[in-house]
Amino acid sequence: MKKALLTVGLSLLLVLVVAGAAFAQGTNPPAKPKGALPDKVAELRGAFPFGGWKIYDAVAEALKLSPNQLFEQLHGGKTLKQVAGAQGVDMKVVQDAVKGARETQARAAIQKALDDGRITKERADWMLKGLENGWRSPRLPLAPRPGKAVK
């Protein structure tokens, strides 16, 4: 009886190993699809998830480029820092443009929430004071960590 169970068990194991090897023999994944965004642009898109194109446009403006020109530069393989250097623009100017665009959007979002009745005037004032004191949500990328209490 033990010999029969051992034989059945080993047979099942062999079937699983062979089946697993057969299923693992898939085709290779396709190469990057034609027309796919290059990695640099995909990285840039990820850099602006909370603000999207308005922040992108602010970056382009700070670099003295149109959004399409900035896209072409990045699509050509340059980093944002390389584009700024070629344009003679300090990265601090680009960072300030991002910060300004984010603050403008945050103020607009607070006002919209107030207008829609989702927050009170007191809450809106508290949130605006937080913006003035430099607080940024820890969920926003590139935001400084909150370290000061808003009074």
Protein backbone atom coordinates (compact mmCIF):
# COMPACT_ATOMS: atom_id res chain seq x y z
CA MET A 1 0.00 0.00 0.00
CA LYS A 2 2.83 2.41 0.91
CA LYS A 3 4.54 1.58 -2.36
CA ALA A 4 1.35 2.34 -4.34
CA LEU A 5 0.85 5.71 -2.59
CA LEU A 6 4.48 6.61 -3.15
CA THR A 7 4.17 5.76 -6.83
CA VAL A 8 0.98 7.82 -7.21
CA GLY A 9 2.55 10.75 -5.35
CA LEU A 10 5.69 10.71 -7.47
CA SER A 11 3.61 10.42 -10.64
CA LEU A 12 1.57 13.49 -9.66
CA LEU A 13 4.73 15.40 -8.86
CA LEU A 14 6.20 14.48 -12.24
CA VAL A 15 3.01 15.59 -14.03
CA LEU A 16 3.06 18.94 -12.20
CA VAL A 17 6.72 19.55 -13.01
CA VAL A 18 6.23 18.73 -16.70
CA ALA A 19 3.04 20.83 -16.91
CA GLY A 20 4.73 23.75 -15.17
CA ALA A 21 7.66 23.61 -17.58
CA ALA A 22 5.27 23.48 -20.54
CA PHE A 23 3.32 26.52 -19.36
CA ALA A 24 6.53 28.43 -18.69
CA GLN A 25 7.46 28.06 -22.37
CA GLY A 26 5.63 31.21 -23.47
CA THR A 27 6.69 33.67 -26.12
CA ASN A 28 8.95 36.54 -25.23
CA PRO A 29 7.19 39.79 -24.41
CA PRO A 30 7.02 42.15 -27.38
CA ALA A 31 9.57 44.89 -27.74
CA LYS A 32 8.53 48.40 -26.75
CA PRO A 33 5.53 49.26 -28.93
CA LYS A 34 6.19 51.67 -31.73
CA GLY A 35 5.32 55.19 -30.66
CA ALA A 36 5.61 54.42 -26.94
CA LEU A 37 6.78 57.26 -24.76
CA PRO A 38 10.49 57.14 -23.99
CA ASP A 39 11.54 56.52 -20.43
CA LYS A 40 12.50 60.17 -19.81
CA VAL A 41 9.01 61.40 -20.69
CA ALA A 42 7.40 58.64 -18.65
CA GLU A 43 9.57 59.73 -15.70
CA LEU A 44 8.49 63.32 -16.22
CA ARG A 45 4.83 62.33 -16.32
CA GLY A 46 5.35 60.60 -12.98
CA ALA A 47 6.90 63.75 -11.56
CA PHE A 48 3.67 65.70 -11.92
CA PRO A 49 0.88 63.43 -10.68
CA PHE A 50 -0.76 66.12 -8.52
CA GLY A 51 -1.08 69.01 -10.89
CA GLY A 52 -0.35 67.31 -14.15
CA TRP A 53 -0.09 69.48 -17.18
CA LYS A 54 -0.39 72.81 -15.36
CA ILE A 55 2.84 72.04 -13.55
CA TYR A 56 4.40 70.74 -16.76
CA ASP A 57 3.41 74.00 -18.48
CA ALA A 58 4.91 76.02 -15.60
CA VAL A 59 8.18 74.08 -16.02
CA ALA A 60 8.17 74.75 -19.77
CA GLU A 61 7.54 78.45 -19.16
CA ALA A 62 10.35 78.64 -16.59
CA LEU A 63 12.66 77.06 -19.18
CA LYS A 64 11.54 79.62 -21.80
CA LEU A 65 10.16 76.83 -23.98
CA SER A 66 6.76 75.87 -25.26
CA PRO A 67 5.36 72.64 -23.79
CA ASN A 68 5.94 70.97 -27.18
CA GLN A 69 9.55 72.12 -27.28
CA LEU A 70 10.13 70.75 -23.78
CA PHE A 71 8.50 67.48 -24.81
CA GLU A 72 10.78 67.22 -27.84
CA GLN A 73 13.87 67.87 -25.72
CA LEU A 74 12.85 65.21 -23.21
CA HIS A 75 11.77 62.86 -25.99
CA GLY A 76 15.25 63.31 -27.45
CA GLY A 77 16.73 61.81 -24.31
CA LYS A 78 17.70 64.88 -22.28
CA THR A 79 16.98 65.12 -18.59
CA LEU A 80 15.20 68.11 -17.12
CA LYS A 81 18.50 69.27 -15.63
CA GLN A 82 20.20 69.05 -19.03
CA VAL A 83 17.42 71.06 -20.68
CA ALA A 84 17.66 73.72 -17.97
CA GLY A 85 21.43 73.92 -18.44
CA ALA A 86 21.10 74.25 -22.20
CA GLN A 87 18.52 77.03 -21.73
CA GLY A 88 20.72 78.82 -19.19
CA VAL A 89 18.09 78.42 -16.48
CA ASP A 90 19.01 77.48 -12.93
CA MET A 91 17.17 74.44 -11.55
CA LYS A 92 16.09 76.60 -8.59
CA VAL A 93 13.97 78.63 -11.03
CA VAL A 94 12.35 75.40 -12.29
CA GLN A 95 11.73 74.20 -8.73
CA ASP A 96 10.18 77.55 -7.81
CA ALA A 97 7.89 77.30 -10.85
CA VAL A 98 6.74 73.86 -9.71
CA LYS A 99 6.19 75.12 -6.18
CA GLY A 100 4.22 78.13 -7.42
CA ALA A 101 2.02 76.04 -9.70
CA ARG A 102 1.31 73.58 -6.91
CA GLU A 103 0.42 76.35 -4.50
CA THR A 104 -1.88 77.96 -7.06
CA GLN A 105 -3.63 74.64 -7.58
CA ALA A 106 -3.89 73.99 -3.85
CA ARG A 107 -5.47 77.40 -3.31
CA ALA A 108 -7.92 76.75 -6.15
CA ALA A 109 -8.80 73.32 -4.70
CA ILE A 110 -9.41 74.82 -1.26
CA GLN A 111 -11.62 77.54 -2.75
CA LYS A 112 -13.58 74.96 -4.77
CA ALA A 113 -14.11 72.80 -1.67
CA LEU A 114 -15.33 75.88 0.19
CA ASP A 115 -17.64 76.90 -2.68
CA ASP A 116 -19.03 73.35 -2.91
CA GLY A 117 -19.74 73.34 0.84
CA ARG A 118 -17.37 70.42 1.51
CA ILE A 119 -15.35 72.46 4.05
CA THR A 120 -16.12 75.35 6.35
CA LYS A 121 -14.65 78.85 6.06
CA GLU A 122 -12.65 78.19 9.22
CA ARG A 123 -11.21 75.00 7.73
CA ALA A 124 -10.35 76.80 4.48
CA ASP A 125 -8.60 79.59 6.42
CA TRP A 126 -6.66 76.98 8.42
CA MET A 127 -5.58 75.22 5.22
CA LEU A 128 -4.52 78.50 3.58
CA LYS A 129 -2.51 79.42 6.68
CA GLY A 130 -0.81 76.05 6.40
CA LEU A 131 0.14 76.81 2.79
CA GLU A 132 1.55 80.18 3.85
CA ASN A 133 3.64 78.45 6.52
CA GLY A 134 5.12 76.06 3.98
CA TRP A 135 3.16 72.94 4.83
CA ARG A 136 2.75 70.40 2.05
CA SER A 137 0.95 67.07 2.14
CA PRO A 138 3.34 64.16 2.71
CA ARG A 139 1.45 62.34 -0.04
CA LEU A 140 2.58 64.85 -2.64
CA PRO A 141 5.89 63.97 -4.25
CA LEU A 142 8.68 66.52 -4.01
CA ALA A 143 6.99 68.07 -0.98
CA PRO A 144 8.97 68.89 2.11
CA ARG A 145 8.07 66.80 5.13
CA PRO A 146 5.83 68.61 7.59
CA GLY A 147 7.98 69.60 10.50
CA LYS A 148 6.33 72.70 11.89
CA ALA A 149 2.97 72.81 13.57
CA VAL A 150 0.52 75.25 12.04
CA LYS A 151 -0.61 77.67 14.73
